[in-house]
PDB file of N, CA and C in Angstrom:
ATOM      1  N   MET A   1      66.100  18.804  65.038  1.00  0.00           N
ATOM      2  CA  MET A   1      65.874  20.159  64.590  1.00  0.00           C
ATOM      3  C   MET A   1      66.609  21.113  65.522  1.00  0.00           C
ATOM      4  N   THR A   2      67.159  22.142  64.974  1.00  0.00           N
ATOM      5  CA  THR A   2      67.870  23.152  65.750  1.00  0.00           C
ATOM      6  C   THR A   2      67.014  24.402  65.866  1.00  0.00           C
ATOM      7  N   TYR A   3      67.026  24.993  67.039  1.00  0.00           N
ATOM      8  CA  TYR A   3      66.293  26.227  67.293  1.00  0.00           C
ATOM      9  C   TYR A   3      67.286  27.336  67.601  1.00  0.00           C
ATOM     10  N   MET A   4      66.823  28.557  67.520  1.00  0.00           N
ATOM     11  CA  MET A   4      67.619  29.716  67.932  1.00  0.00           C
ATOM     12  C   MET A   4      67.133  30.154  69.307  1.00  0.00           C
ATOM     13  N   ILE A   5      68.043  30.635  70.107  1.00  0.00           N
ATOM     14  CA  ILE A   5      67.684  31.192  71.400  1.00  0.00           C
ATOM     15  C   ILE A   5      67.905  32.697  71.327  1.00  0.00           C
ATOM     16  N   ASN A   6      66.835  33.449  71.509  1.00  0.00           N
ATOM     17  CA  ASN A   6      66.929  34.906  71.573  1.00  0.00           C
ATOM     18  C   ASN A   6      66.765  35.299  73.031  1.00  0.00           C
ATOM     19  N   ALA A   7      67.750  35.992  73.563  1.00  0.00           N
ATOM     20  CA  ALA A   7      67.690  36.409  74.965  1.00  0.00           C
ATOM     21  C   ALA A   7      67.928  37.912  75.047  1.00  0.00           C
ATOM     22  N   TRP A   8      66.931  38.612  75.545  1.00  0.00           N
ATOM     23  CA  TRP A   8      67.040  40.051  75.794  1.00  0.00           C
ATOM     24  C   TRP A   8      66.964  40.240  77.301  1.00  0.00           C
ATOM     25  N   LEU A   9      68.085  40.054  77.962  1.00  0.00           N
ATOM     26  CA  LEU A   9      68.091  40.039  79.417  1.00  0.00           C
ATOM     27  C   LEU A   9      68.421  41.386  80.035  1.00  0.00           C
ATOM     28  N   ASP A  10      68.885  42.334  79.231  1.00  0.00           N
ATOM     29  CA  ASP A  10      69.230  43.646  79.764  1.00  0.00           C
ATOM     30  C   ASP A  10      68.133  44.679  79.516  1.00  0.00           C
ATOM     31  N   LYS A  11      67.001  44.246  78.977  1.00  0.00           N
ATOM     32  CA  LYS A  11      65.859  45.130  78.763  1.00  0.00           C
ATOM     33  C   LYS A  11      65.132  45.369  80.085  1.00  0.00           C
ATOM     34  N   PRO A  12      64.332  46.437  80.173  1.00  0.00           N
ATOM     35  CA  PRO A  12      63.531  46.651  81.389  1.00  0.00           C
ATOM     36  C   PRO A  12      62.614  45.462  81.690  1.00  0.00           C
ATOM     37  N   GLN A  13      62.120  44.807  80.637  1.00  0.00           N
ATOM     38  CA  GLN A  13      61.329  43.588  80.806  1.00  0.00           C
ATOM     39  C   GLN A  13      62.045  42.463  80.059  1.00  0.00           C
ATOM     40  N   PRO A  14      62.968  41.759  80.746  1.00  0.00           N
ATOM     41  CA  PRO A  14      63.757  40.701  80.093  1.00  0.00           C
ATOM     42  C   PRO A  14      62.872  39.620  79.487  1.00  0.00           C
ATOM     43  N   GLU A  15      63.400  39.006  78.424  1.00  0.00           N
ATOM     44  CA  GLU A  15      62.641  37.988  77.689  1.00  0.00           C
ATOM     45  C   GLU A  15      63.597  36.969  77.093  1.00  0.00           C
ATOM     46  N   LEU A  16      63.162  35.729  77.055  1.00  0.00           N
ATOM     47  CA  LEU A  16      63.919  34.643  76.442  1.00  0.00           C
ATOM     48  C   LEU A  16      62.983  33.906  75.492  1.00  0.00           C
ATOM     49  N   GLN A  17      63.410  33.735  74.245  1.00  0.00           N
ATOM     50  CA  GLN A  17      62.574  33.070  73.243  1.00  0.00           C
ATOM     51  C   GLN A  17      63.311  31.888  72.642  1.00  0.00           C
ATOM     52  N   LEU A  18      62.542  30.881  72.303  1.00  0.00           N
ATOM     53  CA  LEU A  18      63.020  29.753  71.519  1.00  0.00           C
ATOM     54  C   LEU A  18      62.341  29.882  70.162  1.00  0.00           C
ATOM     55  N   VAL A  19      63.155  30.009  69.097  1.00  0.00           N
ATOM     56  CA  VAL A  19      62.630  30.350  67.777  1.00  0.00           C
ATOM     57  C   VAL A  19      63.003  29.280  66.758  1.00  0.00           C
ATOM     58  N   GLU A  20      62.041  28.902  65.921  1.00  0.00           N
ATOM     59  CA  GLU A  20      62.296  27.985  64.813  1.00  0.00           C
ATOM     60  C   GLU A  20      62.936  28.813  63.712  1.00  0.00           C
ATOM     61  N   PRO A  21      64.183  28.501  63.328  1.00  0.00           N
ATOM     62  CA  PRO A  21      64.930  29.401  62.453  1.00  0.00           C
ATOM     63  C   PRO A  21      64.411  29.534  61.017  1.00  0.00           C
ATOM     64  N   VAL A  22      63.832  28.513  60.459  1.00  0.00           N
ATOM     65  CA  VAL A  22      63.387  28.581  59.067  1.00  0.00           C
ATOM     66  C   VAL A  22      62.182  29.513  58.922  1.00  0.00           C
ATOM     67  N   SER A  23      61.186  29.318  59.781  1.00  0.00           N
ATOM     68  CA  SER A  23      59.971  30.132  59.681  1.00  0.00           C
ATOM     69  C   SER A  23      60.050  31.400  60.525  1.00  0.00           C
ATOM     70  N   GLY A  24      60.936  31.412  61.517  1.00  0.00           N
ATOM     71  CA  GLY A  24      61.007  32.547  62.430  1.00  0.00           C
ATOM     72  C   GLY A  24      59.926  32.518  63.496  1.00  0.00           C
ATOM     73  N   ALA A  25      59.184  31.409  63.566  1.00  0.00           N
ATOM     74  CA  ALA A  25      58.105  31.294  64.542  1.00  0.00           C
ATOM     75  C   ALA A  25      58.667  31.151  65.957  1.00  0.00           C
ATOM     76  N   VAL A  26      58.086  31.902  66.881  1.00  0.00           N
ATOM     77  CA  VAL A  26      58.458  31.785  68.288  1.00  0.00           C
ATOM     78  C   VAL A  26      57.758  30.544  68.841  1.00  0.00           C
ATOM     79  N   VAL A  27      58.554  29.583  69.245  1.00  0.00           N
ATOM     80  CA  VAL A  27      58.029  28.315  69.755  1.00  0.00           C
ATOM     81  C   VAL A  27      57.667  28.448  71.229  1.00  0.00           C
ATOM     82  N   ALA A  28      58.485  29.180  71.976  1.00  0.00           N
ATOM     83  CA  ALA A  28      58.223  29.408  73.397  1.00  0.00           C
ATOM     84  C   ALA A  28      58.825  30.743  73.792  1.00  0.00           C
ATOM     85  N   CYS A  29      58.208  31.362  74.798  1.00  0.00           N
ATOM     86  CA  CYS A  29      58.686  32.654  75.277  1.00  0.00           C
ATOM     87  C   CYS A  29      58.531  32.692  76.798  1.00  0.00           C
ATOM     88  N   TRP A  30      59.595  33.078  77.468  1.00  0.00           N
ATOM     89  CA  TRP A  30      59.577  33.220  78.917  1.00  0.00           C
ATOM     90  C   TRP A  30      59.896  34.661  79.263  1.00  0.00           C
ATOM     91  N   LYS A  31      59.112  35.226  80.173  1.00  0.00           N
ATOM     92  CA  LYS A  31      59.369  36.582  80.658  1.00  0.00           C
ATOM     93  C   LYS A  31      58.762  36.711  82.048  1.00  0.00           C
ATOM     94  N   GLY A  32      59.108  37.788  82.708  1.00  0.00           N
ATOM     95  CA  GLY A  32      58.569  38.021  84.042  1.00  0.00           C
ATOM     96  C   GLY A  32      58.962  36.933  85.024  1.00  0.00           C
ATOM     97  N   ARG A  33      58.007  36.551  85.844  1.00  0.00           N
ATOM     98  CA  ARG A  33      58.253  35.540  86.892  1.00  0.00           C
ATOM     99  C   ARG A  33      58.699  34.211  86.300  1.00  0.00           C
ATOM    100  N   ARG A  34      58.133  33.843  85.170  1.00  0.00           N
ATOM    101  CA  ARG A  34      58.496  32.559  84.545  1.00  0.00           C
ATOM    102  C   ARG A  34      59.962  32.548  84.137  1.00  0.00           C
ATOM    103  N   LEU A  35      60.476  33.673  83.643  1.00  0.00           N
ATOM    104  CA  LEU A  35      61.879  33.759  83.278  1.00  0.00           C
ATOM    105  C   LEU A  35      62.751  33.678  84.530  1.00  0.00           C
ATOM    106  N   ASN A  36      62.353  34.390  85.580  1.00  0.00           N
ATOM    107  CA  ASN A  36      63.092  34.310  86.839  1.00  0.00           C
ATOM    108  C   ASN A  36      63.148  32.877  87.353  1.00  0.00           C
ATOM    109  N   ASP A  37      62.043  32.156  87.223  1.00  0.00           N
ATOM    110  CA  ASP A  37      62.000  30.755  87.673  1.00  0.00           C
ATOM    111  C   ASP A  37      63.016  29.892  86.930  1.00  0.00           C
ATOM    112  N   LEU A  38      63.202  30.149  85.630  1.00  0.00           N
ATOM    113  CA  LEU A  38      64.194  29.383  84.859  1.00  0.00           C
ATOM    114  C   LEU A  38      65.594  29.559  85.437  1.00  0.00           C
ATOM    115  N   PHE A  39      65.940  30.792  85.773  1.00  0.00           N
ATOM    116  CA  PHE A  39      67.269  31.072  86.311  1.00  0.00           C
ATOM    117  C   PHE A  39      67.409  30.579  87.741  1.00  0.00           C
ATOM    118  N   GLU A  40      66.380  30.792  88.564  1.00  0.00           N
ATOM    119  CA  GLU A  40      66.443  30.364  89.961  1.00  0.00           C
ATOM    120  C   GLU A  40      66.517  28.849  90.101  1.00  0.00           C
ATOM    121  N   SER A  41      65.879  28.135  89.192  1.00  0.00           N
ATOM    122  CA  SER A  41      65.907  26.671  89.254  1.00  0.00           C
ATOM    123  C   SER A  41      67.239  26.104  88.777  1.00  0.00           C
ATOM    124  N   GLY A  42      68.023  26.928  88.092  1.00  0.00           N
ATOM    125  CA  GLY A  42      69.297  26.449  87.555  1.00  0.00           C
ATOM    126  C   GLY A  42      69.165  25.813  86.185  1.00  0.00           C
ATOM    127  N   LEU A  43      67.968  25.797  85.639  1.00  0.00           N
ATOM    128  CA  LEU A  43      67.758  25.220  84.313  1.00  0.00           C
ATOM    129  C   LEU A  43      68.554  25.981  83.259  1.00  0.00           C
ATOM    130  N   VAL A  44      68.631  27.293  83.429  1.00  0.00           N
ATOM    131  CA  VAL A  44      69.376  28.156  82.515  1.00  0.00           C
ATOM    132  C   VAL A  44      70.245  29.081  83.357  1.00  0.00           C
ATOM    133  N   SER A  45      71.426  29.380  82.858  1.00  0.00           N
ATOM    134  CA  SER A  45      72.293  30.345  83.541  1.00  0.00           C
ATOM    135  C   SER A  45      72.778  31.381  82.528  1.00  0.00           C
ATOM    136  N   TYR A  46      73.185  32.520  83.048  1.00  0.00           N
ATOM    137  CA  TYR A  46      73.711  33.572  82.179  1.00  0.00           C
ATOM    138  C   TYR A  46      74.966  33.087  81.445  1.00  0.00           C
ATOM    139  N   GLU A  47      75.782  32.312  82.153  1.00  0.00           N
ATOM    140  CA  GLU A  47      77.017  31.800  81.550  1.00  0.00           C
ATOM    141  C   GLU A  47      76.714  30.883  80.368  1.00  0.00           C
ATOM    142  N   GLU A  48      75.706  30.042  80.516  1.00  0.00           N
ATOM    143  CA  GLU A  48      75.345  29.135  79.421  1.00  0.00           C
ATOM    144  C   GLU A  48      74.833  29.898  78.210  1.00  0.00           C
ATOM    145  N   LEU A  49      74.070  30.941  78.455  1.00  0.00           N
ATOM    146  CA  LEU A  49      73.535  31.722  77.337  1.00  0.00           C
ATOM    147  C   LEU A  49      74.626  32.496  76.611  1.00  0.00           C
ATOM    148  N   ARG A  50      75.705  32.791  77.298  1.00  0.00           N
ATOM    149  CA  ARG A  50      76.833  33.470  76.669  1.00  0.00           C
ATOM    150  C   ARG A  50      77.825  32.481  76.074  1.00  0.00           C
ATOM    151  N   ALA A  51      77.545  31.211  76.180  1.00  0.00           N
ATOM    152  CA  ALA A  51      78.471  30.175  75.700  1.00  0.00           C
ATOM    153  C   ALA A  51      78.743  30.356  74.217  1.00  0.00           C
ATOM    154  N   SER A  52      79.975  30.158  73.866  1.00  0.00           N
ATOM    155  CA  SER A  52      80.345  30.318  72.462  1.00  0.00           C
ATOM    156  C   SER A  52      80.421  28.983  71.739  1.00  0.00           C
ATOM    157  N   THR A  53      80.302  27.893  72.463  1.00  0.00           N
ATOM    158  CA  THR A  53      80.400  26.594  71.800  1.00  0.00           C
ATOM    159  C   THR A  53      79.003  26.084  71.444  1.00  0.00           C
ATOM    160  N   PRO A  54      78.853  25.547  70.269  1.00  0.00           N
ATOM    161  CA  PRO A  54      77.557  25.007  69.848  1.00  0.00           C
ATOM    162  C   PRO A  54      77.077  23.882  70.765  1.00  0.00           C
ATOM    163  N   GLU A  55      77.989  23.116  71.323  1.00  0.00           N
ATOM    164  CA  GLU A  55      77.609  22.000  72.189  1.00  0.00           C
ATOM    165  C   GLU A  55      76.903  22.499  73.450  1.00  0.00           C
ATOM    166  N   ARG A  56      77.449  23.542  74.059  1.00  0.00           N
ATOM    167  CA  ARG A  56      76.828  24.086  75.280  1.00  0.00           C
ATOM    168  C   ARG A  56      75.486  24.721  74.972  1.00  0.00           C
ATOM    169  N   LEU A  57      75.391  25.428  73.864  1.00  0.00           N
ATOM    170  CA  LEU A  57      74.110  26.038  73.495  1.00  0.00           C
ATOM    171  C   LEU A  57      73.073  24.975  73.160  1.00  0.00           C
ATOM    172  N   LYS A  58      73.510  23.872  72.594  1.00  0.00           N
ATOM    173  CA  LYS A  58      72.592  22.768  72.281  1.00  0.00           C
ATOM    174  C   LYS A  58      71.992  22.195  73.565  1.00  0.00           C
ATOM    175  N   LEU A  59      72.795  22.121  74.627  1.00  0.00           N
ATOM    176  CA  LEU A  59      72.286  21.648  75.914  1.00  0.00           C
ATOM    177  C   LEU A  59      71.237  22.595  76.481  1.00  0.00           C
ATOM    178  N   VAL A  60      71.463  23.893  76.344  1.00  0.00           N
ATOM    179  CA  VAL A  60      70.479  24.879  76.789  1.00  0.00           C
ATOM    180  C   VAL A  60      69.200  24.739  75.968  1.00  0.00           C
ATOM    181  N   GLU A  61      69.368  24.580  74.684  1.00  0.00           N
ATOM    182  CA  GLU A  61      68.213  24.402  73.789  1.00  0.00           C
ATOM    183  C   GLU A  61      67.388  23.195  74.211  1.00  0.00           C
ATOM    184  N   LYS A  62      68.042  22.083  74.477  1.00  0.00           N
ATOM    185  CA  LYS A  62      67.330  20.870  74.906  1.00  0.00           C
ATOM    186  C   LYS A  62      66.598  21.095  76.220  1.00  0.00           C
ATOM    187  N   ALA A  63      67.246  21.770  77.167  1.00  0.00           N
ATOM    188  CA  ALA A  63      66.607  22.046  78.456  1.00  0.00           C
ATOM    189  C   ALA A  63      65.367  22.911  78.276  1.00  0.00           C
ATOM    190  N   LEU A  64      65.445  23.907  77.388  1.00  0.00           N
ATOM    191  CA  LEU A  64      64.292  24.771  77.137  1.00  0.00           C
ATOM    192  C   LEU A  64      63.159  24.016  76.453  1.00  0.00           C
ATOM    193  N   ILE A  65      63.498  23.119  75.547  1.00  0.00           N
ATOM    194  CA  ILE A  65      62.468  22.310  74.885  1.00  0.00           C
ATOM    195  C   ILE A  65      61.761  21.424  75.907  1.00  0.00           C
ATOM    196  N   LEU A  66      62.529  20.823  76.811  1.00  0.00           N
ATOM    197  CA  LEU A  66      61.922  19.994  77.854  1.00  0.00           C
ATOM    198  C   LEU A  66      61.034  20.833  78.777  1.00  0.00           C
ATOM    199  N   GLN A  67      61.493  22.024  79.137  1.00  0.00           N
ATOM    200  CA  GLN A  67      60.694  22.910  79.976  1.00  0.00           C
ATOM    201  C   GLN A  67      59.404  23.298  79.265  1.00  0.00           C
ATOM    202  N   MET A  68      59.505  23.648  77.994  1.00  0.00           N
ATOM    203  CA  MET A  68      58.330  24.015  77.215  1.00  0.00           C
ATOM    204  C   MET A  68      57.330  22.859  77.186  1.00  0.00           C
ATOM    205  N   THR A  69      57.822  21.664  76.978  1.00  0.00           N
ATOM    206  CA  THR A  69      56.960  20.483  76.925  1.00  0.00           C
ATOM    207  C   THR A  69      56.281  20.247  78.266  1.00  0.00           C
ATOM    208  N   CYS A  70      57.032  20.383  79.349  1.00  0.00           N
ATOM    209  CA  CYS A  70      56.450  20.215  80.678  1.00  0.00           C
ATOM    210  C   CYS A  70      55.349  21.234  80.927  1.00  0.00           C
ATOM    211  N   GLU A  71      55.596  22.475  80.540  1.00  0.00           N
ATOM    212  CA  GLU A  71      54.590  23.520  80.716  1.00  0.00           C
ATOM    213  C   GLU A  71      53.344  23.230  79.897  1.00  0.00           C
ATOM    214  N   GLU A  72      53.526  22.748  78.679  1.00  0.00           N
ATOM    215  CA  GLU A  72      52.366  22.418  77.847  1.00  0.00           C
ATOM    216  C   GLU A  72      51.570  21.263  78.448  1.00  0.00           C
ATOM    217  N   LEU A  73      52.264  20.262  78.971  1.00  0.00           N
ATOM    218  CA  LEU A  73      51.580  19.121  79.571  1.00  0.00           C
ATOM    219  C   LEU A  73      50.826  19.518  80.841  1.00  0.00           C
ATOM    220  N   CYS A  74      51.342  20.523  81.534  1.00  0.00           N
ATOM    221  CA  CYS A  74      50.688  20.989  82.758  1.00  0.00           C
ATOM    222  C   CYS A  74      49.576  21.984  82.464  1.00  0.00           C
ATOM    223  N   GLY A  75      49.434  22.373  81.189  1.00  0.00           N
ATOM    224  CA  GLY A  75      48.352  23.264  80.799  1.00  0.00           C
ATOM    225  C   GLY A  75      48.637  24.738  80.998  1.00  0.00           C
ATOM    226  N   ARG A  76      49.905  25.109  81.179  1.00  0.00           N
ATOM    227  CA  ARG A  76      50.235  26.520  81.347  1.00  0.00           C
ATOM    228  C   ARG A  76      50.322  27.181  79.981  1.00  0.00           C
ATOM    229  N   CYS A  77      49.837  28.400  79.889  1.00  0.00           N
ATOM    230  CA  CYS A  77      49.909  29.158  78.658  1.00  0.00           C
ATOM    231  C   CYS A  77      51.317  29.718  78.484  1.00  0.00           C
ATOM    232  N   LEU A  78      51.958  29.459  77.353  1.00  0.00           N
ATOM    233  CA  LEU A  78      53.339  29.867  77.138  1.00  0.00           C
ATOM    234  C   LEU A  78      53.489  31.352  76.852  1.00  0.00           C
ATOM    235  N   TYR A  79      52.484  31.995  76.322  1.00  0.00           N
ATOM    236  CA  TYR A  79      52.664  33.373  75.887  1.00  0.00           C
ATOM    237  C   TYR A  79      52.015  34.392  76.783  1.00  0.00           C
ATOM    238  N   ASN A  80      50.992  34.029  77.525  1.00  0.00           N
ATOM    239  CA  ASN A  80      50.266  35.011  78.302  1.00  0.00           C
ATOM    240  C   ASN A  80      50.617  35.019  79.783  1.00  0.00           C
ATOM    241  N   SER A  81      51.276  33.979  80.254  1.00  0.00           N
ATOM    242  CA  SER A  81      51.606  33.890  81.662  1.00  0.00           C
ATOM    243  C   SER A  81      52.832  34.722  81.968  1.00  0.00           C
ATOM    244  N   GLN A  82      52.813  35.422  83.087  1.00  0.00           N
ATOM    245  CA  GLN A  82      53.974  36.170  83.541  1.00  0.00           C
ATOM    246  C   GLN A  82      54.099  35.881  84.971  1.00  0.00           C
TER     247      GLN A  82
END
């Protein structure tokens, strides 16, 4: 399954979402400290998010899915944690 990545990084409160394209449902959302952690860990980079090739974006998508799964297994709330 393919997801869409919505990234609003130039907003006063930056946000990154993983969205299921058919339903438009937000599968995962990172903002605040959690979003900073993604970038600081190297899991996601600004360059990757600006990638124009589907292959590079697919790698970012996979990394975000794995991160989301890890967070769910650890019991962290995906939408309320900042």
